[in-house]
Amino acid sequence: MILQGEPPMLRTISRDQGLDELTEKVAIIIPTLNEEPSVGSVIDSVPVNDLLEHGFRTYIYVIDGLSVDHTREIAAQKGAQLVTEKKPGKGAAIQTAFRVIDADYLIVVDGDDTYPISAALEMLRLLQTHDVVIGSRFKGFIDPEAMTRLNVVGNKLLTLFARVLFNDNISDVCTGLWGFRRDAINCLKLHARGFEIEVDIRRDRP
């Protein structure tokens, strides 16, 4: 694992507002692998100033799995802190992020720009009274081009299986948008290295 860059305590702070007044830190974690077309847009969509106005210091981390395109260069240009993960798989990237990043709240969002990280403030409001917040594509609006019919059917079947297996009312087991309180992450014992990490988190959450 290689850590590069400076954490972006982003982007504007009013003259009347000092960092010492901001007591809670939020880490936006973006796992990537060859996300050159979209990673910049995801970083730009983080509502840093809105979060700052509500008392949250926001840091953006790109956890990159050895991309061979310009993902890392774009992330650095956008001011994100770059963590290079040598082990393959999204699960490995998320486990590394959970281990090395210290924050009061951690929000994980896929780097392909299919999830609205602009909802971060709403997620943080929910995290005031919940340990984990999960974004669901099936409880909201899905762009017609975002998922194929086969993907929709497959996801719903996996979700049904997870609901039966874990006796839980989850609506989107393969979501790529999660929010966690730090103490909830400390309770997780994750093992999955690939995209099955979402099921692993769901099974092992507090």
N, C-alpha and C. Protein backbone atom coordinates (compact mmCIF):
# COMPACT_ATOMS: atom_id res chain seq x y z
N MET A 1 0.84 -1.18 0.00
CA MET A 1 0.00 0.00 0.00
C MET A 1 0.88 1.24 0.00
N ILE A 2 0.59 2.19 -0.89
CA ILE A 2 1.40 3.40 -1.01
C ILE A 2 0.48 4.60 -0.79
N LEU A 3 0.86 5.49 0.08
CA LEU A 3 0.09 6.69 0.38
C LEU A 3 0.77 7.88 -0.23
N GLN A 4 0.04 8.65 -1.03
CA GLN A 4 0.62 9.79 -1.71
C GLN A 4 -0.29 11.00 -1.58
N GLY A 5 0.30 12.18 -1.73
CA GLY A 5 -0.47 13.40 -1.81
C GLY A 5 -0.76 14.01 -0.45
N GLU A 6 -1.39 15.15 -0.46
CA GLU A 6 -1.78 15.85 0.75
C GLU A 6 -3.29 15.80 0.88
N PRO A 7 -3.80 15.56 2.10
CA PRO A 7 -5.25 15.52 2.27
C PRO A 7 -5.86 16.89 1.97
N PRO A 8 -6.88 16.93 1.11
CA PRO A 8 -7.42 18.21 0.67
C PRO A 8 -8.47 18.75 1.65
N MET A 9 -8.07 19.57 2.59
CA MET A 9 -9.05 20.23 3.43
C MET A 9 -9.64 21.32 2.56
N LEU A 10 -10.62 20.96 1.81
CA LEU A 10 -11.05 21.61 0.59
C LEU A 10 -11.96 22.79 0.89
N ARG A 11 -12.45 23.52 0.13
CA ARG A 11 -11.88 24.33 -0.90
C ARG A 11 -11.91 25.78 -0.43
N THR A 12 -12.94 26.15 0.31
CA THR A 12 -12.94 27.51 0.84
C THR A 12 -13.38 27.48 2.30
N ILE A 13 -12.77 28.36 3.09
CA ILE A 13 -13.17 28.54 4.48
C ILE A 13 -13.33 30.04 4.69
N SER A 14 -14.46 30.45 5.22
CA SER A 14 -14.70 31.87 5.39
C SER A 14 -13.71 32.44 6.40
N ARG A 15 -13.48 33.74 6.33
CA ARG A 15 -12.52 34.38 7.23
C ARG A 15 -12.97 34.28 8.69
N ASP A 16 -14.26 34.18 8.89
CA ASP A 16 -14.80 34.13 10.25
C ASP A 16 -14.84 32.72 10.82
N GLN A 17 -14.45 31.75 10.03
CA GLN A 17 -14.58 30.36 10.46
C GLN A 17 -13.22 29.70 10.47
N GLY A 18 -12.78 29.22 11.63
CA GLY A 18 -11.51 28.55 11.75
C GLY A 18 -11.70 27.06 11.84
N LEU A 19 -10.63 26.30 11.53
CA LEU A 19 -10.71 24.85 11.57
C LEU A 19 -10.97 24.33 12.98
N ASP A 20 -10.54 25.11 14.00
CA ASP A 20 -10.73 24.63 15.35
C ASP A 20 -12.19 24.57 15.74
N GLU A 21 -13.06 25.26 14.99
CA GLU A 21 -14.49 25.21 15.26
C GLU A 21 -15.13 23.96 14.67
N LEU A 22 -14.43 23.30 13.78
CA LEU A 22 -14.97 22.13 13.10
C LEU A 22 -14.50 20.89 13.84
N THR A 23 -15.43 20.19 14.44
CA THR A 23 -15.05 19.13 15.36
C THR A 23 -15.16 17.74 14.77
N GLU A 24 -15.76 17.58 13.59
CA GLU A 24 -15.96 16.25 13.04
C GLU A 24 -15.33 16.14 11.65
N LYS A 25 -14.68 15.03 11.42
CA LYS A 25 -13.97 14.81 10.16
C LYS A 25 -14.72 13.76 9.34
N VAL A 26 -14.89 14.05 8.06
CA VAL A 26 -15.55 13.15 7.11
C VAL A 26 -14.54 12.73 6.04
N ALA A 27 -14.41 11.43 5.82
CA ALA A 27 -13.56 10.91 4.76
C ALA A 27 -14.44 10.38 3.64
N ILE A 28 -14.26 10.90 2.44
CA ILE A 28 -14.93 10.38 1.25
C ILE A 28 -13.95 9.41 0.59
N ILE A 29 -14.31 8.15 0.52
CA ILE A 29 -13.43 7.10 0.02
C ILE A 29 -13.92 6.64 -1.34
N ILE A 30 -13.05 6.73 -2.34
CA ILE A 30 -13.41 6.37 -3.72
C ILE A 30 -12.48 5.26 -4.20
N PRO A 31 -12.92 3.99 -4.18
CA PRO A 31 -12.09 2.91 -4.74
C PRO A 31 -12.13 2.98 -6.26
N THR A 32 -10.97 2.84 -6.90
CA THR A 32 -10.92 2.98 -8.36
C THR A 32 -10.06 1.92 -9.00
N LEU A 33 -10.38 1.63 -10.24
CA LEU A 33 -9.53 0.86 -11.14
C LEU A 33 -9.89 1.28 -12.56
N ASN A 34 -8.99 2.07 -13.16
CA ASN A 34 -9.20 2.56 -14.53
C ASN A 34 -10.50 3.34 -14.65
N GLU A 35 -10.64 4.37 -13.83
CA GLU A 35 -11.85 5.21 -13.83
C GLU A 35 -11.54 6.59 -14.40
N GLU A 36 -10.64 6.65 -15.38
CA GLU A 36 -10.25 7.93 -15.97
C GLU A 36 -11.43 8.78 -16.43
N PRO A 37 -12.46 8.21 -17.09
CA PRO A 37 -13.54 9.07 -17.59
C PRO A 37 -14.41 9.69 -16.50
N SER A 38 -14.39 9.13 -15.29
CA SER A 38 -15.39 9.53 -14.30
C SER A 38 -14.86 10.01 -12.96
N VAL A 39 -13.64 9.64 -12.60
CA VAL A 39 -13.18 9.93 -11.24
C VAL A 39 -13.15 11.43 -10.95
N GLY A 40 -12.79 12.23 -11.94
CA GLY A 40 -12.76 13.68 -11.73
C GLY A 40 -14.13 14.23 -11.41
N SER A 41 -15.15 13.72 -12.10
CA SER A 41 -16.51 14.16 -11.86
C SER A 41 -16.99 13.78 -10.47
N VAL A 42 -16.61 12.58 -10.03
CA VAL A 42 -16.99 12.14 -8.68
C VAL A 42 -16.38 13.07 -7.64
N ILE A 43 -15.10 13.37 -7.78
CA ILE A 43 -14.43 14.25 -6.83
C ILE A 43 -15.06 15.64 -6.84
N ASP A 44 -15.35 16.16 -8.02
CA ASP A 44 -15.96 17.49 -8.13
C ASP A 44 -17.35 17.53 -7.52
N SER A 45 -18.03 16.37 -7.47
CA SER A 45 -19.41 16.34 -6.98
C SER A 45 -19.51 16.28 -5.45
N VAL A 46 -18.39 16.07 -4.78
CA VAL A 46 -18.42 16.05 -3.31
C VAL A 46 -18.79 17.46 -2.82
N PRO A 47 -19.86 17.60 -2.05
CA PRO A 47 -20.32 18.94 -1.64
C PRO A 47 -19.50 19.50 -0.48
N VAL A 48 -18.23 19.75 -0.74
CA VAL A 48 -17.28 20.13 0.32
C VAL A 48 -17.73 21.38 1.05
N ASN A 49 -18.13 22.40 0.32
CA ASN A 49 -18.49 23.66 0.96
C ASN A 49 -19.77 23.53 1.80
N ASP A 50 -20.74 22.78 1.31
CA ASP A 50 -21.96 22.56 2.09
C ASP A 50 -21.64 21.83 3.38
N LEU A 51 -20.77 20.82 3.29
CA LEU A 51 -20.38 20.08 4.48
C LEU A 51 -19.63 20.97 5.45
N LEU A 52 -18.78 21.83 4.92
CA LEU A 52 -18.01 22.75 5.75
C LEU A 52 -18.94 23.69 6.51
N GLU A 53 -19.95 24.18 5.82
CA GLU A 53 -20.91 25.08 6.46
C GLU A 53 -21.66 24.42 7.60
N HIS A 54 -21.76 23.09 7.55
CA HIS A 54 -22.46 22.35 8.60
C HIS A 54 -21.50 21.74 9.62
N GLY A 55 -20.23 22.17 9.58
CA GLY A 55 -19.29 21.77 10.61
C GLY A 55 -18.51 20.51 10.37
N PHE A 56 -18.44 20.05 9.10
CA PHE A 56 -17.71 18.82 8.79
C PHE A 56 -16.45 19.15 7.98
N ARG A 57 -15.30 18.73 8.47
CA ARG A 57 -14.07 18.83 7.69
C ARG A 57 -14.04 17.65 6.73
N THR A 58 -13.88 17.92 5.46
CA THR A 58 -14.00 16.88 4.44
C THR A 58 -12.66 16.59 3.78
N TYR A 59 -12.32 15.31 3.72
CA TYR A 59 -11.10 14.84 3.07
C TYR A 59 -11.49 13.79 2.04
N ILE A 60 -10.88 13.86 0.88
CA ILE A 60 -11.21 12.94 -0.21
C ILE A 60 -10.02 12.01 -0.47
N TYR A 61 -10.29 10.72 -0.47
CA TYR A 61 -9.25 9.71 -0.68
C TYR A 61 -9.63 8.84 -1.88
N VAL A 62 -8.73 8.70 -2.82
CA VAL A 62 -8.89 7.77 -3.92
C VAL A 62 -8.01 6.56 -3.63
N ILE A 63 -8.65 5.38 -3.51
CA ILE A 63 -7.93 4.14 -3.24
C ILE A 63 -7.83 3.40 -4.57
N ASP A 64 -6.67 3.46 -5.19
CA ASP A 64 -6.53 2.99 -6.56
C ASP A 64 -5.84 1.64 -6.65
N GLY A 65 -6.44 0.74 -7.40
CA GLY A 65 -5.90 -0.61 -7.57
C GLY A 65 -5.01 -0.74 -8.78
N LEU A 66 -3.96 0.06 -8.84
CA LEU A 66 -2.98 -0.02 -9.93
C LEU A 66 -3.60 0.20 -11.31
N SER A 67 -4.32 1.29 -11.45
CA SER A 67 -4.88 1.66 -12.75
C SER A 67 -3.77 1.86 -13.78
N VAL A 68 -4.09 1.53 -15.03
CA VAL A 68 -3.12 1.73 -16.11
C VAL A 68 -3.51 2.90 -16.99
N ASP A 69 -4.57 3.62 -16.63
CA ASP A 69 -4.94 4.82 -17.36
C ASP A 69 -4.51 6.04 -16.53
N HIS A 70 -5.21 7.16 -16.64
CA HIS A 70 -4.81 8.38 -15.95
C HIS A 70 -5.63 8.64 -14.68
N THR A 71 -6.20 7.60 -14.10
CA THR A 71 -7.02 7.78 -12.90
C THR A 71 -6.25 8.48 -11.79
N ARG A 72 -5.05 8.02 -11.50
CA ARG A 72 -4.30 8.58 -10.38
C ARG A 72 -3.87 10.02 -10.64
N GLU A 73 -3.49 10.30 -11.88
CA GLU A 73 -3.09 11.66 -12.22
C GLU A 73 -4.27 12.62 -12.05
N ILE A 74 -5.44 12.21 -12.51
CA ILE A 74 -6.62 13.07 -12.38
C ILE A 74 -6.99 13.27 -10.92
N ALA A 75 -6.92 12.20 -10.13
CA ALA A 75 -7.23 12.31 -8.70
C ALA A 75 -6.29 13.31 -8.03
N ALA A 76 -5.00 13.23 -8.35
CA ALA A 76 -4.03 14.15 -7.75
C ALA A 76 -4.29 15.59 -8.20
N GLN A 77 -4.61 15.78 -9.47
CA GLN A 77 -4.90 17.11 -9.97
C GLN A 77 -6.12 17.72 -9.29
N LYS A 78 -7.08 16.87 -8.92
CA LYS A 78 -8.30 17.34 -8.27
C LYS A 78 -8.10 17.56 -6.77
N GLY A 79 -6.92 17.22 -6.26
CA GLY A 79 -6.62 17.47 -4.86
C GLY A 79 -6.93 16.35 -3.91
N ALA A 80 -7.26 15.17 -4.44
CA ALA A 80 -7.55 14.03 -3.58
C ALA A 80 -6.25 13.43 -3.04
N GLN A 81 -6.33 12.81 -1.89
CA GLN A 81 -5.20 12.05 -1.38
C GLN A 81 -5.25 10.66 -2.00
N LEU A 82 -4.11 10.22 -2.51
CA LEU A 82 -4.06 8.97 -3.27
C LEU A 82 -3.45 7.85 -2.44
N VAL A 83 -4.18 6.74 -2.37
CA VAL A 83 -3.66 5.52 -1.76
C VAL A 83 -3.60 4.47 -2.86
N THR A 84 -2.41 3.96 -3.14
CA THR A 84 -2.25 2.93 -4.16
C THR A 84 -2.27 1.56 -3.49
N GLU A 85 -3.26 0.75 -3.86
CA GLU A 85 -3.44 -0.57 -3.28
C GLU A 85 -2.92 -1.63 -4.25
N LYS A 86 -1.89 -2.37 -3.83
CA LYS A 86 -1.29 -3.37 -4.70
C LYS A 86 -2.09 -4.68 -4.75
N LYS A 87 -2.88 -4.94 -3.73
CA LYS A 87 -3.69 -6.16 -3.74
C LYS A 87 -4.90 -5.93 -4.64
N PRO A 88 -5.28 -6.92 -5.46
CA PRO A 88 -6.40 -6.73 -6.39
C PRO A 88 -7.74 -6.77 -5.68
N GLY A 89 -8.70 -6.03 -6.25
CA GLY A 89 -10.08 -6.15 -5.79
C GLY A 89 -10.58 -4.94 -5.01
N LYS A 90 -11.86 -4.64 -5.20
CA LYS A 90 -12.51 -3.54 -4.50
C LYS A 90 -12.50 -3.79 -3.00
N GLY A 91 -12.72 -5.04 -2.61
CA GLY A 91 -12.74 -5.37 -1.19
C GLY A 91 -11.42 -5.05 -0.51
N ALA A 92 -10.32 -5.37 -1.19
CA ALA A 92 -9.00 -5.07 -0.64
C ALA A 92 -8.81 -3.57 -0.47
N ALA A 93 -9.28 -2.79 -1.45
CA ALA A 93 -9.15 -1.34 -1.38
C ALA A 93 -9.94 -0.78 -0.21
N ILE A 94 -11.16 -1.26 -0.01
CA ILE A 94 -11.99 -0.75 1.08
C ILE A 94 -11.42 -1.15 2.43
N GLN A 95 -10.93 -2.37 2.54
CA GLN A 95 -10.34 -2.78 3.81
C GLN A 95 -9.11 -1.94 4.15
N THR A 96 -8.29 -1.63 3.15
CA THR A 96 -7.14 -0.77 3.39
C THR A 96 -7.59 0.61 3.84
N ALA A 97 -8.60 1.15 3.17
CA ALA A 97 -9.10 2.48 3.53
C ALA A 97 -9.60 2.49 4.98
N PHE A 98 -10.36 1.48 5.36
CA PHE A 98 -10.88 1.42 6.72
C PHE A 98 -9.75 1.32 7.75
N ARG A 99 -8.66 0.70 7.35
CA ARG A 99 -7.56 0.49 8.28
C ARG A 99 -6.70 1.73 8.45
N VAL A 100 -6.46 2.49 7.37
CA VAL A 100 -5.47 3.57 7.43
C VAL A 100 -6.07 4.96 7.56
N ILE A 101 -7.37 5.11 7.31
CA ILE A 101 -7.98 6.43 7.33
C ILE A 101 -8.70 6.64 8.65
N ASP A 102 -8.37 7.72 9.33
CA ASP A 102 -8.98 8.06 10.60
C ASP A 102 -9.96 9.20 10.39
N ALA A 103 -11.23 8.96 10.65
CA ALA A 103 -12.25 9.99 10.52
C ALA A 103 -13.44 9.62 11.39
N ASP A 104 -14.25 10.61 11.72
CA ASP A 104 -15.46 10.35 12.50
C ASP A 104 -16.51 9.63 11.66
N TYR A 105 -16.55 9.96 10.38
CA TYR A 105 -17.49 9.34 9.45
C TYR A 105 -16.74 9.00 8.16
N LEU A 106 -17.09 7.86 7.57
CA LEU A 106 -16.49 7.45 6.31
C LEU A 106 -17.61 7.15 5.33
N ILE A 107 -17.54 7.75 4.16
CA ILE A 107 -18.51 7.50 3.10
C ILE A 107 -17.77 6.89 1.92
N VAL A 108 -18.23 5.72 1.48
CA VAL A 108 -17.61 5.02 0.36
C VAL A 108 -18.50 5.18 -0.86
N VAL A 109 -17.92 5.60 -1.98
CA VAL A 109 -18.70 5.76 -3.21
C VAL A 109 -17.86 5.23 -4.38
N ASP A 110 -18.50 4.50 -5.29
CA ASP A 110 -17.79 3.98 -6.46
C ASP A 110 -17.25 5.12 -7.31
N GLY A 111 -16.17 4.84 -8.03
CA GLY A 111 -15.52 5.85 -8.84
C GLY A 111 -16.08 5.99 -10.24
N ASP A 112 -17.17 5.26 -10.56
CA ASP A 112 -17.69 5.31 -11.93
C ASP A 112 -18.81 6.33 -12.11
N ASP A 113 -19.05 7.15 -11.09
CA ASP A 113 -20.03 8.26 -11.16
C ASP A 113 -21.46 7.77 -11.37
N THR A 114 -21.80 6.62 -10.82
CA THR A 114 -23.17 6.12 -10.92
C THR A 114 -23.96 6.36 -9.64
N TYR A 115 -23.32 6.91 -8.61
CA TYR A 115 -23.99 7.16 -7.34
C TYR A 115 -23.84 8.64 -6.97
N PRO A 116 -24.86 9.25 -6.38
CA PRO A 116 -24.84 10.70 -6.12
C PRO A 116 -24.12 11.04 -4.82
N ILE A 117 -22.82 11.23 -4.87
CA ILE A 117 -22.09 11.64 -3.68
C ILE A 117 -22.54 13.02 -3.23
N SER A 118 -23.26 13.72 -4.06
CA SER A 118 -23.86 15.00 -3.66
C SER A 118 -24.81 14.83 -2.48
N ALA A 119 -25.23 13.59 -2.20
CA ALA A 119 -26.12 13.31 -1.07
C ALA A 119 -25.37 13.12 0.24
N ALA A 120 -24.08 13.45 0.28
CA ALA A 120 -23.26 13.20 1.46
C ALA A 120 -23.81 13.88 2.71
N LEU A 121 -24.29 15.11 2.58
CA LEU A 121 -24.80 15.81 3.76
C LEU A 121 -26.04 15.12 4.31
N GLU A 122 -26.93 14.68 3.44
CA GLU A 122 -28.10 13.93 3.88
C GLU A 122 -27.69 12.64 4.59
N MET A 123 -26.68 11.96 4.06
CA MET A 123 -26.20 10.74 4.69
C MET A 123 -25.63 11.02 6.08
N LEU A 124 -24.90 12.13 6.20
CA LEU A 124 -24.31 12.46 7.50
C LEU A 124 -25.39 12.82 8.52
N ARG A 125 -26.45 13.43 8.07
CA ARG A 125 -27.56 13.70 8.99
C ARG A 125 -28.15 12.40 9.53
N LEU A 126 -28.28 11.41 8.65
CA LEU A 126 -28.79 10.11 9.09
C LEU A 126 -27.80 9.41 10.01
N LEU A 127 -26.50 9.62 9.76
CA LEU A 127 -25.48 8.97 10.58
C LEU A 127 -25.40 9.54 11.99
N GLN A 128 -26.09 10.64 12.24
CA GLN A 128 -26.15 11.14 13.61
C GLN A 128 -26.92 10.19 14.51
N THR A 129 -27.83 9.41 13.92
CA THR A 129 -28.66 8.51 14.72
C THR A 129 -28.61 7.06 14.24
N HIS A 130 -27.78 6.76 13.22
CA HIS A 130 -27.64 5.41 12.70
C HIS A 130 -26.16 5.08 12.54
N ASP A 131 -25.82 3.80 12.72
CA ASP A 131 -24.43 3.38 12.56
C ASP A 131 -24.00 3.30 11.10
N VAL A 132 -24.93 2.88 10.22
CA VAL A 132 -24.63 2.67 8.81
C VAL A 132 -25.78 3.21 7.98
N VAL A 133 -25.45 3.88 6.87
CA VAL A 133 -26.44 4.37 5.92
C VAL A 133 -26.10 3.78 4.56
N ILE A 134 -27.10 3.24 3.87
CA ILE A 134 -26.88 2.53 2.61
C ILE A 134 -27.68 3.22 1.50
N GLY A 135 -27.01 3.56 0.40
CA GLY A 135 -27.71 4.09 -0.75
C GLY A 135 -28.39 2.96 -1.51
N SER A 136 -29.62 3.18 -1.97
CA SER A 136 -30.37 2.15 -2.69
C SER A 136 -30.85 2.69 -4.02
N ARG A 137 -30.46 2.02 -5.09
CA ARG A 137 -30.95 2.42 -6.42
C ARG A 137 -32.41 2.05 -6.61
N PHE A 138 -32.89 1.05 -5.90
CA PHE A 138 -34.24 0.56 -6.12
C PHE A 138 -35.28 1.26 -5.25
N LYS A 139 -34.81 2.11 -4.33
CA LYS A 139 -35.71 2.94 -3.54
C LYS A 139 -35.81 4.35 -4.12
N GLY A 140 -35.02 4.61 -5.14
CA GLY A 140 -35.02 5.93 -5.74
C GLY A 140 -35.13 5.82 -7.25
N PHE A 141 -34.44 6.73 -7.96
CA PHE A 141 -34.52 6.78 -9.42
C PHE A 141 -33.27 6.17 -10.03
N ILE A 142 -33.45 5.33 -11.04
CA ILE A 142 -32.34 4.75 -11.79
C ILE A 142 -32.37 5.31 -13.20
N ASP A 143 -31.27 5.92 -13.62
CA ASP A 143 -31.18 6.37 -15.00
C ASP A 143 -31.33 5.16 -15.91
N PRO A 144 -32.13 5.27 -16.98
CA PRO A 144 -32.36 4.12 -17.86
C PRO A 144 -31.09 3.51 -18.42
N GLU A 145 -30.02 4.28 -18.54
CA GLU A 145 -28.77 3.76 -19.11
C GLU A 145 -27.78 3.30 -18.03
N ALA A 146 -28.15 3.43 -16.76
CA ALA A 146 -27.21 3.12 -15.68
C ALA A 146 -27.04 1.62 -15.47
N MET A 147 -28.10 0.84 -15.70
CA MET A 147 -28.03 -0.60 -15.47
C MET A 147 -28.76 -1.32 -16.60
N THR A 148 -28.20 -2.42 -17.06
CA THR A 148 -28.90 -3.24 -18.04
C THR A 148 -30.02 -4.01 -17.36
N ARG A 149 -30.95 -4.51 -18.15
CA ARG A 149 -32.05 -5.30 -17.59
C ARG A 149 -31.52 -6.53 -16.87
N LEU A 150 -30.47 -7.14 -17.45
CA LEU A 150 -29.88 -8.32 -16.82
C LEU A 150 -29.29 -7.97 -15.46
N ASN A 151 -28.60 -6.82 -15.38
CA ASN A 151 -28.03 -6.39 -14.11
C ASN A 151 -29.10 -6.12 -13.06
N VAL A 152 -30.21 -5.52 -13.50
CA VAL A 152 -31.30 -5.25 -12.56
C VAL A 152 -31.86 -6.55 -12.01
N VAL A 153 -32.12 -7.50 -12.90
CA VAL A 153 -32.68 -8.79 -12.47
C VAL A 153 -31.69 -9.52 -11.56
N GLY A 154 -30.41 -9.54 -11.95
CA GLY A 154 -29.41 -10.22 -11.14
C GLY A 154 -29.27 -9.60 -9.77
N ASN A 155 -29.28 -8.26 -9.71
CA ASN A 155 -29.16 -7.58 -8.42
C ASN A 155 -30.36 -7.89 -7.53
N LYS A 156 -31.54 -7.91 -8.11
CA LYS A 156 -32.73 -8.18 -7.31
C LYS A 156 -32.72 -9.61 -6.79
N LEU A 157 -32.21 -10.55 -7.57
CA LEU A 157 -32.12 -11.92 -7.10
C LEU A 157 -31.12 -12.05 -5.96
N LEU A 158 -29.96 -11.39 -6.12
CA LEU A 158 -28.96 -11.40 -5.05
C LEU A 158 -29.50 -10.73 -3.79
N THR A 159 -30.24 -9.65 -3.98
CA THR A 159 -30.81 -8.95 -2.84
C THR A 159 -31.82 -9.82 -2.11
N LEU A 160 -32.65 -10.52 -2.89
CA LEU A 160 -33.63 -11.43 -2.27
C LEU A 160 -32.91 -12.52 -1.48
N PHE A 161 -31.85 -13.06 -2.06
CA PHE A 161 -31.08 -14.10 -1.37
C PHE A 161 -30.50 -13.56 -0.06
N ALA A 162 -29.95 -12.34 -0.11
CA ALA A 162 -29.37 -11.74 1.09
C ALA A 162 -30.43 -11.48 2.15
N ARG A 163 -31.63 -11.07 1.73
CA ARG A 163 -32.69 -10.79 2.69
C ARG A 163 -33.12 -12.07 3.40
N VAL A 164 -33.17 -13.16 2.66
CA VAL A 164 -33.54 -14.44 3.28
C VAL A 164 -32.41 -14.95 4.17
N LEU A 165 -31.17 -14.85 3.67
CA LEU A 165 -30.03 -15.39 4.39
C LEU A 165 -29.78 -14.64 5.70
N PHE A 166 -29.89 -13.30 5.64
CA PHE A 166 -29.54 -12.50 6.81
C PHE A 166 -30.76 -11.98 7.55
N ASN A 167 -31.96 -12.38 7.08
CA ASN A 167 -33.21 -11.94 7.73
C ASN A 167 -33.23 -10.42 7.87
N ASP A 168 -33.01 -9.73 6.75
CA ASP A 168 -32.86 -8.29 6.78
C ASP A 168 -33.65 -7.67 5.63
N ASN A 169 -34.02 -6.40 5.79
CA ASN A 169 -34.86 -5.73 4.81
C ASN A 169 -34.04 -4.86 3.86
N ILE A 170 -32.94 -5.36 3.37
CA ILE A 170 -32.10 -4.63 2.42
C ILE A 170 -32.78 -4.59 1.06
N SER A 171 -32.61 -3.46 0.33
CA SER A 171 -33.24 -3.33 -0.98
C SER A 171 -32.23 -3.31 -2.13
N ASP A 172 -30.93 -3.16 -1.83
CA ASP A 172 -29.92 -3.10 -2.90
C ASP A 172 -28.61 -3.63 -2.34
N VAL A 173 -28.41 -4.95 -2.43
CA VAL A 173 -27.26 -5.57 -1.78
C VAL A 173 -25.95 -5.20 -2.47
N CYS A 174 -25.99 -4.78 -3.73
CA CYS A 174 -24.78 -4.45 -4.47
C CYS A 174 -24.55 -2.95 -4.57
N THR A 175 -25.10 -2.19 -3.66
CA THR A 175 -24.94 -0.74 -3.71
C THR A 175 -23.48 -0.34 -3.64
N GLY A 176 -23.15 0.78 -4.28
CA GLY A 176 -21.80 1.32 -4.22
C GLY A 176 -21.74 2.61 -3.45
N LEU A 177 -22.71 2.84 -2.55
CA LEU A 177 -22.74 4.06 -1.74
C LEU A 177 -23.07 3.69 -0.30
N TRP A 178 -22.09 3.84 0.59
CA TRP A 178 -22.24 3.48 1.99
C TRP A 178 -21.74 4.63 2.86
N GLY A 179 -22.36 4.79 4.02
CA GLY A 179 -21.87 5.72 5.03
C GLY A 179 -21.74 5.00 6.37
N PHE A 180 -20.66 5.29 7.09
CA PHE A 180 -20.38 4.60 8.35
C PHE A 180 -19.95 5.58 9.43
N ARG A 181 -20.34 5.31 10.64
CA ARG A 181 -19.70 5.92 11.79
C ARG A 181 -18.40 5.16 12.07
N ARG A 182 -17.41 5.85 12.61
CA ARG A 182 -16.13 5.19 12.86
C ARG A 182 -16.26 3.99 13.78
N ASP A 183 -17.06 4.10 14.83
CA ASP A 183 -17.17 2.99 15.77
C ASP A 183 -17.84 1.79 15.14
N ALA A 184 -18.70 2.00 14.12
CA ALA A 184 -19.31 0.87 13.42
C ALA A 184 -18.27 0.12 12.60
N ILE A 185 -17.36 0.85 11.96
CA ILE A 185 -16.29 0.21 11.17
C ILE A 185 -15.38 -0.61 12.08
N ASN A 186 -15.15 -0.12 13.26
CA ASN A 186 -14.29 -0.85 14.19
C ASN A 186 -14.86 -2.21 14.58
N CYS A 187 -16.17 -2.39 14.38
CA CYS A 187 -16.82 -3.66 14.72
C CYS A 187 -16.80 -4.66 13.55
N LEU A 188 -16.43 -4.20 12.35
CA LEU A 188 -16.46 -5.07 11.18
C LEU A 188 -15.25 -5.99 11.14
N LYS A 189 -15.48 -7.20 10.67
CA LYS A 189 -14.39 -8.15 10.42
C LYS A 189 -14.55 -8.64 8.98
N LEU A 190 -13.94 -7.89 8.06
CA LEU A 190 -14.15 -8.12 6.64
C LEU A 190 -13.08 -9.06 6.07
N HIS A 191 -13.49 -9.86 5.07
CA HIS A 191 -12.58 -10.82 4.44
C HIS A 191 -12.61 -10.74 2.91
N ALA A 192 -13.71 -10.29 2.33
CA ALA A 192 -13.86 -10.30 0.88
C ALA A 192 -12.85 -9.37 0.21
N ARG A 193 -12.30 -9.81 -0.91
CA ARG A 193 -11.31 -9.02 -1.65
C ARG A 193 -11.89 -8.36 -2.89
N GLY A 194 -13.00 -8.89 -3.40
CA GLY A 194 -13.56 -8.38 -4.64
C GLY A 194 -14.85 -7.62 -4.42
N PHE A 195 -15.74 -7.66 -5.44
CA PHE A 195 -16.99 -6.92 -5.38
C PHE A 195 -17.98 -7.52 -4.38
N GLU A 196 -17.69 -8.72 -3.89
CA GLU A 196 -18.56 -9.30 -2.87
C GLU A 196 -18.40 -8.60 -1.53
N ILE A 197 -17.57 -7.57 -1.47
CA ILE A 197 -17.37 -6.83 -0.23
C ILE A 197 -18.68 -6.25 0.29
N GLU A 198 -19.59 -5.84 -0.63
CA GLU A 198 -20.86 -5.27 -0.18
C GLU A 198 -21.66 -6.28 0.64
N VAL A 199 -21.68 -7.54 0.18
CA VAL A 199 -22.38 -8.58 0.94
C VAL A 199 -21.66 -8.84 2.25
N ASP A 200 -20.34 -8.80 2.22
CA ASP A 200 -19.54 -9.03 3.43
C ASP A 200 -19.84 -7.96 4.48
N ILE A 201 -19.91 -6.72 4.04
CA ILE A 201 -20.23 -5.62 4.96
C ILE A 201 -21.62 -5.80 5.53
N ARG A 202 -22.56 -6.16 4.64
CA ARG A 202 -23.94 -6.30 5.09
C ARG A 202 -24.06 -7.42 6.11
N ARG A 203 -23.34 -8.50 5.88
CA ARG A 203 -23.41 -9.66 6.79
C ARG A 203 -22.80 -9.31 8.15
N ASP A 204 -21.73 -8.50 8.12
CA ASP A 204 -20.93 -8.31 9.33
C ASP A 204 -21.18 -6.98 10.03
N ARG A 205 -22.14 -6.21 9.53
CA ARG A 205 -22.34 -4.87 10.11
C ARG A 205 -22.86 -5.00 11.53
N PRO A 206 -22.71 -3.91 12.34
CA PRO A 206 -23.22 -3.93 13.70
C PRO A 206 -24.74 -4.13 13.73
